[in-house]
Amino acid sequence: MKKNLLIGILAALLICICCFCVLTRISQKNETATDKARVAFEDVLTTRRSVRSYDATKKISEAEVRELLTAVQEAPSWANQQPTKYYVAMSEEKVAAVQELVGPNNKKNIAGAPVLIVSTYEKGKSGFFQDKQTNEIGDGWGAYDNGLSNCYLILQARAMGFDTLIMGMRDADALRTLFDIPGNEEVMAVISLGYRADEPRTPQHRPFDEVVKFF
């Protein structure tokens, strides 16, 4: 009887030890995966740059652009209005046409980029409730939401190995005509998408205490 009791106790202890080992391994595995994800995201943040020199020999497929912009749809927006729209130039004809509408300096900077994306937002959506402006910013919230979407775009692009440049100098009226953009959409930026031809320099950032205040 005592022998059976002793065997039972030893078996129970063995099971507990085995379970502990398994849970420890799972925990360590999860911690490792979390650490890798955190490091990977930090790498995206620290290696993303506004690239002004592209490798013209490297192309991007429509499937890759679809994957990129599908991820961008996860960006937050006012009351989930999702006001941002994108018009993607990939054909040689359209890319060349857009290059002519961003100024001579930008045209030179994006010469090798295979994809150019026009970013817009629908007016009267973000910042409004029941068609009434909710605060003094009004349609400025549409621009804010557009910026959030564009932020997702450039970060996801970097995560996929691409590089970008957001350009505010552009001929909005000509772009509206080129892509048949409706009048209720505000044309914001043109974003180049491609592969860096060389390593861009890291810009100097303002001192932390100049931009962050704790209370």
N, C-alpha and C. Protein backbone atom coordinates (compact mmCIF):
# COMPACT_ATOMS: atom_id res chain seq x y z
N MET A 1 0.83 -1.20 0.00
CA MET A 1 0.00 0.00 0.00
C MET A 1 0.87 1.25 0.00
N LYS A 2 1.90 1.24 0.93
CA LYS A 2 2.79 2.39 0.99
C LYS A 2 3.59 2.53 -0.29
N LYS A 3 3.94 1.35 -0.86
CA LYS A 3 4.72 1.37 -2.11
C LYS A 3 3.92 2.02 -3.23
N ASN A 4 2.63 1.66 -3.35
CA ASN A 4 1.76 2.24 -4.38
C ASN A 4 1.58 3.73 -4.17
N LEU A 5 1.43 4.14 -2.88
CA LEU A 5 1.28 5.56 -2.57
C LEU A 5 2.53 6.32 -2.98
N LEU A 6 3.69 5.75 -2.69
CA LEU A 6 4.95 6.40 -3.04
C LEU A 6 5.10 6.53 -4.55
N ILE A 7 4.73 5.48 -5.28
CA ILE A 7 4.80 5.53 -6.76
C ILE A 7 3.87 6.62 -7.29
N GLY A 8 2.69 6.73 -6.69
CA GLY A 8 1.72 7.73 -7.13
C GLY A 8 2.23 9.14 -6.91
N ILE A 9 2.85 9.35 -5.75
CA ILE A 9 3.40 10.68 -5.44
C ILE A 9 4.53 11.04 -6.41
N LEU A 10 5.41 10.06 -6.66
CA LEU A 10 6.52 10.29 -7.59
C LEU A 10 6.01 10.59 -9.01
N ALA A 11 4.97 9.85 -9.42
CA ALA A 11 4.39 10.08 -10.75
C ALA A 11 3.80 11.47 -10.85
N ALA A 12 3.10 11.89 -9.77
CA ALA A 12 2.50 13.23 -9.76
C ALA A 12 3.57 14.31 -9.84
N LEU A 13 4.66 14.10 -9.09
CA LEU A 13 5.77 15.07 -9.12
C LEU A 13 6.39 15.14 -10.50
N LEU A 14 6.55 13.97 -11.14
CA LEU A 14 7.14 13.93 -12.48
C LEU A 14 6.27 14.67 -13.48
N ILE A 15 4.96 14.47 -13.37
CA ILE A 15 4.03 15.17 -14.28
C ILE A 15 4.13 16.67 -14.07
N CYS A 16 4.18 17.13 -12.80
CA CYS A 16 4.28 18.55 -12.50
C CYS A 16 5.56 19.15 -13.07
N ILE A 17 6.66 18.40 -12.92
CA ILE A 17 7.94 18.88 -13.45
C ILE A 17 7.90 19.00 -14.97
N CYS A 18 7.30 17.99 -15.61
CA CYS A 18 7.19 18.01 -17.08
C CYS A 18 6.34 19.20 -17.54
N CYS A 19 5.22 19.43 -16.87
CA CYS A 19 4.34 20.54 -17.22
C CYS A 19 5.05 21.88 -17.05
N PHE A 20 5.80 22.00 -15.96
CA PHE A 20 6.55 23.23 -15.69
C PHE A 20 7.57 23.50 -16.79
N CYS A 21 8.26 22.43 -17.21
CA CYS A 21 9.27 22.57 -18.27
C CYS A 21 8.64 23.01 -19.59
N VAL A 22 7.49 22.39 -19.91
CA VAL A 22 6.80 22.73 -21.16
C VAL A 22 6.33 24.18 -21.14
N LEU A 23 5.70 24.60 -20.02
CA LEU A 23 5.21 25.97 -19.90
C LEU A 23 6.35 26.98 -19.95
N THR A 24 7.48 26.62 -19.33
CA THR A 24 8.65 27.50 -19.36
C THR A 24 9.16 27.68 -20.79
N ARG A 25 9.21 26.57 -21.53
CA ARG A 25 9.67 26.64 -22.93
C ARG A 25 8.73 27.48 -23.77
N ILE A 26 7.42 27.30 -23.56
CA ILE A 26 6.43 28.09 -24.30
C ILE A 26 6.57 29.57 -23.98
N SER A 27 6.73 29.86 -22.69
CA SER A 27 6.89 31.24 -22.25
C SER A 27 8.13 31.87 -22.87
N GLN A 28 9.25 31.11 -22.86
CA GLN A 28 10.49 31.62 -23.44
C GLN A 28 10.34 31.84 -24.93
N LYS A 29 9.62 30.93 -25.58
CA LYS A 29 9.40 31.05 -27.02
C LYS A 29 8.58 32.29 -27.34
N ASN A 30 7.52 32.52 -26.53
CA ASN A 30 6.67 33.69 -26.75
C ASN A 30 7.45 34.97 -26.49
N GLU A 31 8.28 34.98 -25.43
CA GLU A 31 9.07 36.16 -25.14
C GLU A 31 10.04 36.44 -26.27
N THR A 32 10.64 35.38 -26.83
CA THR A 32 11.57 35.55 -27.94
C THR A 32 10.86 36.12 -29.16
N ALA A 33 9.66 35.60 -29.45
CA ALA A 33 8.89 36.09 -30.59
C ALA A 33 8.51 37.55 -30.39
N THR A 34 8.13 37.91 -29.15
CA THR A 34 7.76 39.29 -28.85
C THR A 34 8.95 40.22 -29.02
N ASP A 35 10.11 39.77 -28.50
CA ASP A 35 11.32 40.57 -28.62
C ASP A 35 11.70 40.78 -30.08
N LYS A 36 11.57 39.70 -30.87
CA LYS A 36 11.90 39.82 -32.30
C LYS A 36 10.97 40.79 -32.99
N ALA A 37 9.67 40.73 -32.66
CA ALA A 37 8.71 41.64 -33.27
C ALA A 37 9.02 43.07 -32.90
N ARG A 38 9.37 43.29 -31.61
CA ARG A 38 9.68 44.64 -31.15
C ARG A 38 10.92 45.18 -31.85
N VAL A 39 11.94 44.34 -31.94
CA VAL A 39 13.17 44.76 -32.61
C VAL A 39 12.91 45.03 -34.08
N ALA A 40 12.09 44.18 -34.70
CA ALA A 40 11.79 44.38 -36.13
C ALA A 40 11.09 45.71 -36.34
N PHE A 41 10.15 46.06 -35.45
CA PHE A 41 9.43 47.33 -35.60
C PHE A 41 10.37 48.50 -35.37
N GLU A 42 11.25 48.37 -34.39
CA GLU A 42 12.24 49.42 -34.15
C GLU A 42 13.14 49.60 -35.37
N ASP A 43 13.44 48.49 -36.03
CA ASP A 43 14.27 48.56 -37.23
C ASP A 43 13.56 49.31 -38.34
N VAL A 44 12.24 49.08 -38.46
CA VAL A 44 11.44 49.82 -39.45
C VAL A 44 11.52 51.32 -39.15
N LEU A 45 11.35 51.68 -37.87
CA LEU A 45 11.36 53.10 -37.49
C LEU A 45 12.71 53.75 -37.74
N THR A 46 13.78 53.04 -37.43
CA THR A 46 15.10 53.65 -37.52
C THR A 46 15.71 53.61 -38.91
N THR A 47 15.22 52.71 -39.78
CA THR A 47 15.79 52.64 -41.14
C THR A 47 14.93 53.35 -42.18
N ARG A 48 13.70 53.72 -41.80
CA ARG A 48 12.86 54.45 -42.75
C ARG A 48 13.44 55.84 -42.96
N ARG A 49 13.57 56.21 -44.19
CA ARG A 49 14.08 57.53 -44.53
C ARG A 49 13.31 58.08 -45.73
N SER A 50 13.34 59.39 -45.88
CA SER A 50 12.80 60.01 -47.09
C SER A 50 13.87 59.84 -48.17
N VAL A 51 13.61 58.92 -49.09
CA VAL A 51 14.63 58.53 -50.07
C VAL A 51 14.50 59.36 -51.35
N ARG A 52 15.61 59.90 -51.79
CA ARG A 52 15.64 60.77 -52.97
C ARG A 52 16.57 60.24 -54.06
N SER A 53 16.80 58.93 -54.02
CA SER A 53 17.61 58.27 -55.05
C SER A 53 17.17 56.82 -55.14
N TYR A 54 16.57 56.43 -56.28
CA TYR A 54 15.97 55.10 -56.42
C TYR A 54 16.70 54.25 -57.45
N ASP A 55 16.69 52.94 -57.21
CA ASP A 55 17.29 51.98 -58.12
C ASP A 55 16.28 51.65 -59.22
N ALA A 56 16.51 52.18 -60.40
CA ALA A 56 15.57 52.01 -61.51
C ALA A 56 15.50 50.58 -62.03
N THR A 57 16.45 49.73 -61.65
CA THR A 57 16.44 48.35 -62.14
C THR A 57 15.50 47.46 -61.33
N LYS A 58 15.05 47.94 -60.18
CA LYS A 58 14.18 47.14 -59.31
C LYS A 58 12.73 47.58 -59.45
N LYS A 59 11.86 46.64 -59.76
CA LYS A 59 10.44 46.93 -59.98
C LYS A 59 9.59 46.45 -58.81
N ILE A 60 8.37 46.93 -58.76
CA ILE A 60 7.40 46.52 -57.74
C ILE A 60 6.14 46.07 -58.46
N SER A 61 5.60 44.92 -58.07
CA SER A 61 4.43 44.37 -58.74
C SER A 61 3.14 44.99 -58.21
N GLU A 62 2.08 44.85 -59.00
CA GLU A 62 0.77 45.32 -58.54
C GLU A 62 0.33 44.55 -57.31
N ALA A 63 0.65 43.26 -57.26
CA ALA A 63 0.28 42.44 -56.10
C ALA A 63 0.93 42.99 -54.83
N GLU A 64 2.18 43.44 -54.94
CA GLU A 64 2.87 43.99 -53.78
C GLU A 64 2.24 45.31 -53.34
N VAL A 65 1.86 46.13 -54.31
CA VAL A 65 1.21 47.40 -53.97
C VAL A 65 -0.14 47.14 -53.33
N ARG A 66 -0.87 46.14 -53.81
CA ARG A 66 -2.16 45.77 -53.20
C ARG A 66 -1.96 45.31 -51.76
N GLU A 67 -0.92 44.51 -51.53
CA GLU A 67 -0.63 44.05 -50.18
C GLU A 67 -0.31 45.24 -49.26
N LEU A 68 0.47 46.16 -49.78
CA LEU A 68 0.83 47.36 -49.02
C LEU A 68 -0.40 48.18 -48.64
N LEU A 69 -1.24 48.49 -49.62
CA LEU A 69 -2.38 49.36 -49.37
C LEU A 69 -3.49 48.65 -48.60
N THR A 70 -3.53 47.33 -48.67
CA THR A 70 -4.47 46.58 -47.83
C THR A 70 -4.09 46.75 -46.36
N ALA A 71 -2.80 46.71 -46.08
CA ALA A 71 -2.32 46.91 -44.70
C ALA A 71 -2.62 48.34 -44.24
N VAL A 72 -2.54 49.30 -45.15
CA VAL A 72 -2.78 50.70 -44.81
C VAL A 72 -4.22 50.92 -44.36
N GLN A 73 -5.13 50.07 -44.82
CA GLN A 73 -6.54 50.21 -44.42
C GLN A 73 -6.76 50.00 -42.93
N GLU A 74 -5.75 49.49 -42.22
CA GLU A 74 -5.85 49.32 -40.77
C GLU A 74 -5.64 50.64 -40.02
N ALA A 75 -5.27 51.69 -40.73
CA ALA A 75 -5.03 52.98 -40.07
C ALA A 75 -6.31 53.51 -39.42
N PRO A 76 -6.19 54.15 -38.25
CA PRO A 76 -7.38 54.70 -37.59
C PRO A 76 -7.87 55.96 -38.30
N SER A 77 -9.14 56.27 -38.11
CA SER A 77 -9.71 57.51 -38.66
C SER A 77 -10.90 57.93 -37.81
N TRP A 78 -11.28 59.18 -37.94
CA TRP A 78 -12.40 59.75 -37.18
C TRP A 78 -13.67 58.92 -37.42
N ALA A 79 -14.20 58.34 -36.33
CA ALA A 79 -15.44 57.55 -36.39
C ALA A 79 -15.39 56.50 -37.51
N ASN A 80 -14.18 56.03 -37.78
CA ASN A 80 -13.97 55.03 -38.84
C ASN A 80 -14.50 55.49 -40.19
N GLN A 81 -14.38 56.78 -40.46
CA GLN A 81 -14.87 57.33 -41.73
C GLN A 81 -14.00 56.92 -42.92
N GLN A 82 -12.73 56.63 -42.65
CA GLN A 82 -11.80 56.18 -43.69
C GLN A 82 -11.86 57.11 -44.93
N PRO A 83 -11.51 58.37 -44.74
CA PRO A 83 -11.64 59.34 -45.83
C PRO A 83 -10.53 59.28 -46.88
N THR A 84 -9.44 58.58 -46.57
CA THR A 84 -8.28 58.60 -47.47
C THR A 84 -8.49 57.73 -48.70
N LYS A 85 -8.08 58.25 -49.84
CA LYS A 85 -8.12 57.51 -51.11
C LYS A 85 -6.72 57.55 -51.73
N TYR A 86 -6.41 56.54 -52.52
CA TYR A 86 -5.12 56.48 -53.19
C TYR A 86 -5.29 56.22 -54.68
N TYR A 87 -4.51 56.94 -55.48
CA TYR A 87 -4.50 56.78 -56.93
C TYR A 87 -3.08 56.38 -57.32
N VAL A 88 -2.95 55.17 -57.86
CA VAL A 88 -1.64 54.56 -58.05
C VAL A 88 -1.21 54.61 -59.52
N ALA A 89 -0.08 55.25 -59.76
CA ALA A 89 0.50 55.29 -61.10
C ALA A 89 1.59 54.23 -61.20
N MET A 90 1.40 53.26 -62.11
CA MET A 90 2.38 52.20 -62.30
C MET A 90 2.83 52.07 -63.75
N SER A 91 1.98 52.44 -64.69
CA SER A 91 2.37 52.37 -66.10
C SER A 91 3.41 53.45 -66.39
N GLU A 92 4.26 53.21 -67.35
CA GLU A 92 5.29 54.18 -67.69
C GLU A 92 4.68 55.53 -68.04
N GLU A 93 3.55 55.49 -68.73
CA GLU A 93 2.89 56.73 -69.15
C GLU A 93 2.41 57.55 -67.94
N LYS A 94 1.73 56.89 -67.01
CA LYS A 94 1.21 57.60 -65.85
C LYS A 94 2.33 58.08 -64.92
N VAL A 95 3.33 57.22 -64.71
CA VAL A 95 4.45 57.61 -63.86
C VAL A 95 5.15 58.84 -64.43
N ALA A 96 5.38 58.84 -65.73
CA ALA A 96 6.04 59.98 -66.38
C ALA A 96 5.19 61.24 -66.26
N ALA A 97 3.87 61.08 -66.36
CA ALA A 97 2.96 62.23 -66.26
C ALA A 97 3.00 62.83 -64.85
N VAL A 98 3.01 61.97 -63.83
CA VAL A 98 3.06 62.46 -62.46
C VAL A 98 4.40 63.12 -62.16
N GLN A 99 5.47 62.58 -62.72
CA GLN A 99 6.80 63.17 -62.51
C GLN A 99 6.85 64.63 -62.96
N GLU A 100 6.06 64.96 -63.95
CA GLU A 100 6.04 66.32 -64.47
C GLU A 100 5.26 67.28 -63.57
N LEU A 101 4.56 66.73 -62.57
CA LEU A 101 3.64 67.55 -61.77
C LEU A 101 4.09 67.75 -60.32
N VAL A 102 5.36 67.39 -60.02
CA VAL A 102 5.85 67.53 -58.65
C VAL A 102 7.04 68.48 -58.54
N GLY A 103 7.30 69.25 -59.58
CA GLY A 103 8.41 70.19 -59.56
C GLY A 103 9.70 69.55 -60.04
N PRO A 104 10.60 70.36 -60.62
CA PRO A 104 11.84 69.83 -61.20
C PRO A 104 12.75 69.13 -60.20
N ASN A 105 12.82 69.63 -58.97
CA ASN A 105 13.71 69.00 -57.99
C ASN A 105 13.20 67.62 -57.59
N ASN A 106 11.88 67.53 -57.31
CA ASN A 106 11.31 66.23 -56.97
C ASN A 106 11.37 65.27 -58.15
N LYS A 107 11.18 65.79 -59.35
CA LYS A 107 11.25 64.95 -60.54
C LYS A 107 12.60 64.25 -60.62
N LYS A 108 13.66 64.99 -60.30
CA LYS A 108 15.00 64.41 -60.30
C LYS A 108 15.15 63.37 -59.18
N ASN A 109 14.58 63.69 -58.02
CA ASN A 109 14.72 62.80 -56.86
C ASN A 109 14.04 61.45 -57.05
N ILE A 110 12.91 61.44 -57.79
CA ILE A 110 12.12 60.21 -57.91
C ILE A 110 12.26 59.55 -59.27
N ALA A 111 13.29 59.91 -59.99
CA ALA A 111 13.46 59.43 -61.37
C ALA A 111 13.41 57.90 -61.48
N GLY A 112 13.95 57.18 -60.51
CA GLY A 112 14.00 55.72 -60.62
C GLY A 112 12.88 54.99 -59.91
N ALA A 113 11.95 55.72 -59.29
CA ALA A 113 10.87 55.07 -58.54
C ALA A 113 9.84 54.49 -59.51
N PRO A 114 9.50 53.20 -59.39
CA PRO A 114 8.57 52.57 -60.33
C PRO A 114 7.10 52.84 -60.05
N VAL A 115 6.79 53.35 -58.85
CA VAL A 115 5.39 53.58 -58.46
C VAL A 115 5.26 54.97 -57.84
N LEU A 116 4.23 55.70 -58.26
CA LEU A 116 3.91 56.99 -57.66
C LEU A 116 2.45 56.96 -57.22
N ILE A 117 2.20 57.37 -55.98
CA ILE A 117 0.87 57.27 -55.40
C ILE A 117 0.37 58.66 -55.00
N VAL A 118 -0.82 59.02 -55.48
CA VAL A 118 -1.45 60.28 -55.11
C VAL A 118 -2.41 60.01 -53.96
N SER A 119 -2.23 60.77 -52.88
CA SER A 119 -3.03 60.59 -51.67
C SER A 119 -4.05 61.72 -51.54
N THR A 120 -5.31 61.37 -51.32
CA THR A 120 -6.36 62.37 -51.16
C THR A 120 -7.23 62.00 -49.95
N TYR A 121 -8.12 62.93 -49.57
CA TYR A 121 -9.13 62.58 -48.56
C TYR A 121 -10.46 63.21 -48.94
N GLU A 122 -11.53 62.53 -48.59
CA GLU A 122 -12.88 63.03 -48.86
C GLU A 122 -13.24 64.10 -47.83
N LYS A 123 -13.67 65.24 -48.30
CA LYS A 123 -14.04 66.34 -47.40
C LYS A 123 -15.42 66.10 -46.79
N GLY A 124 -15.65 66.70 -45.62
CA GLY A 124 -16.95 66.63 -44.97
C GLY A 124 -17.24 65.33 -44.25
N LYS A 125 -16.21 64.51 -44.01
CA LYS A 125 -16.41 63.24 -43.31
C LYS A 125 -15.74 63.27 -41.94
N SER A 126 -14.43 63.24 -41.90
CA SER A 126 -13.74 63.32 -40.62
C SER A 126 -13.89 64.73 -40.05
N GLY A 127 -14.26 64.79 -38.77
CA GLY A 127 -14.46 66.10 -38.14
C GLY A 127 -15.90 66.55 -38.17
N PHE A 128 -16.79 65.69 -38.67
CA PHE A 128 -18.20 66.04 -38.80
C PHE A 128 -19.09 64.98 -38.15
N PHE A 129 -20.24 65.42 -37.64
CA PHE A 129 -21.25 64.52 -37.10
C PHE A 129 -22.60 64.99 -37.59
N GLN A 130 -23.31 64.10 -38.26
CA GLN A 130 -24.61 64.44 -38.88
C GLN A 130 -24.47 65.68 -39.76
N ASP A 131 -23.41 65.68 -40.55
CA ASP A 131 -23.10 66.73 -41.53
C ASP A 131 -22.76 68.08 -40.89
N LYS A 132 -22.52 68.10 -39.59
CA LYS A 132 -22.17 69.35 -38.91
C LYS A 132 -20.75 69.27 -38.37
N GLN A 133 -20.01 70.36 -38.56
CA GLN A 133 -18.64 70.42 -38.06
C GLN A 133 -18.64 70.34 -36.54
N THR A 134 -17.80 69.48 -35.99
CA THR A 134 -17.85 69.24 -34.54
C THR A 134 -16.93 70.15 -33.73
N ASN A 135 -15.90 70.71 -34.34
CA ASN A 135 -15.03 71.65 -33.64
C ASN A 135 -14.38 72.60 -34.64
N GLU A 136 -13.49 73.45 -34.13
CA GLU A 136 -12.93 74.51 -34.98
C GLU A 136 -12.02 73.97 -36.08
N ILE A 137 -11.57 72.73 -35.97
CA ILE A 137 -10.64 72.19 -36.97
C ILE A 137 -11.36 71.76 -38.25
N GLY A 138 -12.58 71.25 -38.11
CA GLY A 138 -13.36 70.88 -39.29
C GLY A 138 -12.66 69.89 -40.19
N ASP A 139 -12.55 70.24 -41.47
CA ASP A 139 -11.94 69.34 -42.44
C ASP A 139 -10.46 69.09 -42.18
N GLY A 140 -9.89 69.84 -41.23
CA GLY A 140 -8.51 69.57 -40.84
C GLY A 140 -8.35 68.15 -40.31
N TRP A 141 -9.46 67.59 -39.78
CA TRP A 141 -9.40 66.21 -39.32
C TRP A 141 -9.26 65.24 -40.50
N GLY A 142 -9.76 65.62 -41.64
CA GLY A 142 -9.56 64.79 -42.83
C GLY A 142 -8.10 64.74 -43.21
N ALA A 143 -7.44 65.91 -43.11
CA ALA A 143 -6.00 65.96 -43.39
C ALA A 143 -5.23 65.16 -42.34
N TYR A 144 -5.70 65.23 -41.08
CA TYR A 144 -5.07 64.47 -40.00
C TYR A 144 -5.18 62.97 -40.27
N ASP A 145 -6.39 62.52 -40.62
CA ASP A 145 -6.58 61.10 -40.92
C ASP A 145 -5.78 60.67 -42.13
N ASN A 146 -5.68 61.56 -43.11
CA ASN A 146 -4.88 61.26 -44.28
C ASN A 146 -3.41 61.07 -43.90
N GLY A 147 -2.94 61.91 -42.98
CA GLY A 147 -1.57 61.78 -42.50
C GLY A 147 -1.34 60.46 -41.78
N LEU A 148 -2.34 60.02 -40.99
CA LEU A 148 -2.23 58.74 -40.32
C LEU A 148 -2.12 57.60 -41.33
N SER A 149 -2.96 57.65 -42.35
CA SER A 149 -2.91 56.62 -43.39
C SER A 149 -1.57 56.62 -44.10
N ASN A 150 -1.08 57.81 -44.42
CA ASN A 150 0.21 57.90 -45.10
C ASN A 150 1.35 57.41 -44.22
N CYS A 151 1.21 57.62 -42.90
CA CYS A 151 2.21 57.11 -41.97
C CYS A 151 2.23 55.58 -42.01
N TYR A 152 1.04 54.97 -41.98
CA TYR A 152 0.97 53.52 -42.11
C TYR A 152 1.61 53.08 -43.42
N LEU A 153 1.37 53.84 -44.48
CA LEU A 153 1.90 53.47 -45.80
C LEU A 153 3.42 53.44 -45.80
N ILE A 154 4.05 54.50 -45.30
CA ILE A 154 5.51 54.55 -45.40
C ILE A 154 6.17 53.55 -44.45
N LEU A 155 5.52 53.26 -43.31
CA LEU A 155 6.09 52.27 -42.39
C LEU A 155 5.92 50.85 -42.92
N GLN A 156 4.73 50.55 -43.45
CA GLN A 156 4.51 49.23 -44.03
C GLN A 156 5.40 49.03 -45.26
N ALA A 157 5.58 50.09 -46.03
CA ALA A 157 6.47 50.01 -47.19
C ALA A 157 7.88 49.63 -46.76
N ARG A 158 8.34 50.26 -45.69
CA ARG A 158 9.70 49.93 -45.21
C ARG A 158 9.77 48.50 -44.69
N ALA A 159 8.70 48.07 -44.01
CA ALA A 159 8.65 46.69 -43.51
C ALA A 159 8.71 45.69 -44.65
N MET A 160 8.22 46.07 -45.82
CA MET A 160 8.25 45.20 -46.99
C MET A 160 9.54 45.35 -47.80
N GLY A 161 10.43 46.23 -47.33
CA GLY A 161 11.70 46.42 -48.01
C GLY A 161 11.72 47.55 -49.02
N PHE A 162 10.65 48.35 -49.07
CA PHE A 162 10.56 49.46 -50.02
C PHE A 162 10.97 50.77 -49.34
N ASP A 163 11.07 51.80 -50.17
CA ASP A 163 11.39 53.14 -49.68
C ASP A 163 10.42 54.15 -50.27
N THR A 164 10.29 55.28 -49.61
CA THR A 164 9.28 56.26 -49.99
C THR A 164 9.79 57.69 -49.86
N LEU A 165 9.06 58.60 -50.49
CA LEU A 165 9.27 60.04 -50.31
C LEU A 165 7.90 60.70 -50.43
N ILE A 166 7.50 61.42 -49.39
CA ILE A 166 6.23 62.15 -49.42
C ILE A 166 6.50 63.55 -49.94
N MET A 167 5.78 63.93 -51.00
CA MET A 167 6.00 65.23 -51.64
C MET A 167 4.76 66.12 -51.53
N GLY A 168 4.97 67.29 -50.98
CA GLY A 168 3.88 68.26 -50.86
C GLY A 168 3.85 69.24 -52.02
N MET A 169 4.95 69.35 -52.74
CA MET A 169 4.99 70.21 -53.93
C MET A 169 4.42 69.42 -55.10
N ARG A 170 3.21 69.81 -55.55
CA ARG A 170 2.55 69.10 -56.66
C ARG A 170 1.48 70.00 -57.24
N ASP A 171 1.14 69.76 -58.47
CA ASP A 171 0.08 70.50 -59.16
C ASP A 171 -1.23 69.75 -58.93
N ALA A 172 -1.97 70.19 -57.92
CA ALA A 172 -3.18 69.48 -57.52
C ALA A 172 -4.22 69.45 -58.63
N ASP A 173 -4.40 70.56 -59.34
CA ASP A 173 -5.41 70.62 -60.39
C ASP A 173 -5.07 69.66 -61.53
N ALA A 174 -3.80 69.63 -61.91
CA ALA A 174 -3.38 68.73 -63.00
C ALA A 174 -3.51 67.26 -62.57
N LEU A 175 -3.19 66.97 -61.32
CA LEU A 175 -3.34 65.60 -60.82
C LEU A 175 -4.81 65.21 -60.79
N ARG A 176 -5.67 66.15 -60.42
CA ARG A 176 -7.11 65.87 -60.39
C ARG A 176 -7.62 65.49 -61.78
N THR A 177 -7.11 66.20 -62.77
CA THR A 177 -7.50 65.91 -64.15
C THR A 177 -6.92 64.57 -64.61
N LEU A 178 -5.66 64.33 -64.29
CA LEU A 178 -4.96 63.12 -64.73
C LEU A 178 -5.63 61.85 -64.21
N PHE A 179 -6.10 61.89 -62.97
CA PHE A 179 -6.69 60.70 -62.35
C PHE A 179 -8.21 60.80 -62.19
N ASP A 180 -8.79 61.84 -62.73
CA ASP A 180 -10.24 62.03 -62.63
C ASP A 180 -10.68 62.01 -61.17
N ILE A 181 -10.00 62.77 -60.34
CA ILE A 181 -10.29 62.82 -58.91
C ILE A 181 -11.50 63.71 -58.66
N PRO A 182 -12.50 63.23 -57.95
CA PRO A 182 -13.73 64.01 -57.72
C PRO A 182 -13.47 65.32 -56.95
N GLY A 183 -14.36 66.27 -57.12
CA GLY A 183 -14.21 67.57 -56.49
C GLY A 183 -14.34 67.54 -54.98
N ASN A 184 -14.98 66.51 -54.43
CA ASN A 184 -15.13 66.44 -52.97
C ASN A 184 -13.92 65.84 -52.28
N GLU A 185 -12.87 65.56 -53.05
CA GLU A 185 -11.63 65.04 -52.47
C GLU A 185 -10.53 66.10 -52.54
N GLU A 186 -9.83 66.24 -51.42
CA GLU A 186 -8.71 67.17 -51.35
C GLU A 186 -7.43 66.43 -51.72
N VAL A 187 -6.73 66.93 -52.71
CA VAL A 187 -5.45 66.32 -53.11
C VAL A 187 -4.38 66.73 -52.11
N MET A 188 -3.74 65.75 -51.48
CA MET A 188 -2.74 66.05 -50.47
C MET A 188 -1.31 65.84 -50.99
N ALA A 189 -0.84 64.62 -50.97
CA ALA A 189 0.56 64.37 -51.29
C ALA A 189 0.73 63.41 -52.45
N VAL A 190 1.91 63.44 -53.03
CA VAL A 190 2.35 62.40 -53.96
C VAL A 190 3.46 61.63 -53.26
N ILE A 191 3.34 60.30 -53.26
CA ILE A 191 4.30 59.46 -52.53
C ILE A 191 5.00 58.53 -53.52
N SER A 192 6.30 58.61 -53.57
CA SER A 192 7.07 57.70 -54.42
C SER A 192 7.30 56.39 -53.68
N LEU A 193 7.38 55.31 -54.45
CA LEU A 193 7.58 53.98 -53.88
C LEU A 193 8.60 53.23 -54.73
N GLY A 194 9.66 52.76 -54.10
CA GLY A 194 10.69 52.05 -54.85
C GLY A 194 11.75 51.51 -53.91
N TYR A 195 12.94 51.29 -54.45
CA TYR A 195 14.08 50.77 -53.68
C TYR A 195 15.20 51.80 -53.67
N ARG A 196 15.76 52.06 -52.52
CA ARG A 196 16.85 53.03 -52.41
C ARG A 196 18.06 52.60 -53.25
N ALA A 197 18.67 53.57 -53.91
CA ALA A 197 19.86 53.30 -54.71
C ALA A 197 21.12 53.38 -53.85
N ASP A 198 21.06 54.13 -52.77
CA ASP A 198 22.16 54.22 -51.83
C ASP A 198 21.59 54.52 -50.45
N GLU A 199 22.43 54.52 -49.45
CA GLU A 199 21.98 54.73 -48.08
C GLU A 199 21.82 56.22 -47.80
N PRO A 200 20.60 56.65 -47.48
CA PRO A 200 20.39 58.06 -47.17
C PRO A 200 20.96 58.40 -45.80
N ARG A 201 21.31 59.65 -45.61
CA ARG A 201 21.87 60.06 -44.32
C ARG A 201 20.78 60.10 -43.25
N THR A 202 21.18 59.98 -42.02
CA THR A 202 20.26 60.07 -40.90
C THR A 202 20.19 61.52 -40.44
N PRO A 203 19.02 62.14 -40.47
CA PRO A 203 18.92 63.55 -40.09
C PRO A 203 19.06 63.74 -38.58
N GLN A 204 19.47 64.92 -38.19
CA GLN A 204 19.58 65.23 -36.77
C GLN A 204 18.19 65.57 -36.22
N HIS A 205 17.87 65.01 -35.06
CA HIS A 205 16.58 65.28 -34.46
C HIS A 205 16.68 66.34 -33.37
N ARG A 206 15.61 67.04 -33.15
CA ARG A 206 15.58 68.05 -32.10
C ARG A 206 15.75 67.39 -30.74
N PRO A 207 16.30 68.10 -29.77
CA PRO A 207 16.42 67.53 -28.42
C PRO A 207 15.07 67.08 -27.89
N PHE A 208 15.05 65.94 -27.24
CA PHE A 208 13.82 65.34 -26.74
C PHE A 208 13.01 66.32 -25.89
N ASP A 209 13.66 67.05 -25.00
CA ASP A 209 12.94 67.93 -24.08
C ASP A 209 12.33 69.15 -24.78
N GLU A 210 12.70 69.38 -26.02
CA GLU A 210 12.09 70.48 -26.77
C GLU A 210 10.72 70.09 -27.36
N VAL A 211 10.51 68.78 -27.52
CA VAL A 211 9.28 68.35 -28.17
C VAL A 211 8.35 67.55 -27.25
N VAL A 212 8.83 67.19 -26.07
CA VAL A 212 8.03 66.41 -25.13
C VAL A 212 8.00 67.13 -23.77
N LYS A 213 6.80 67.32 -23.22
CA LYS A 213 6.64 67.91 -21.89
C LYS A 213 5.83 66.97 -21.00
N PHE A 214 6.34 66.69 -19.83
CA PHE A 214 5.65 65.85 -18.87
C PHE A 214 5.06 66.72 -17.76
N PHE A 215 3.86 66.41 -17.32
CA PHE A 215 3.20 67.19 -16.27
C PHE A 215 2.68 66.25 -15.17
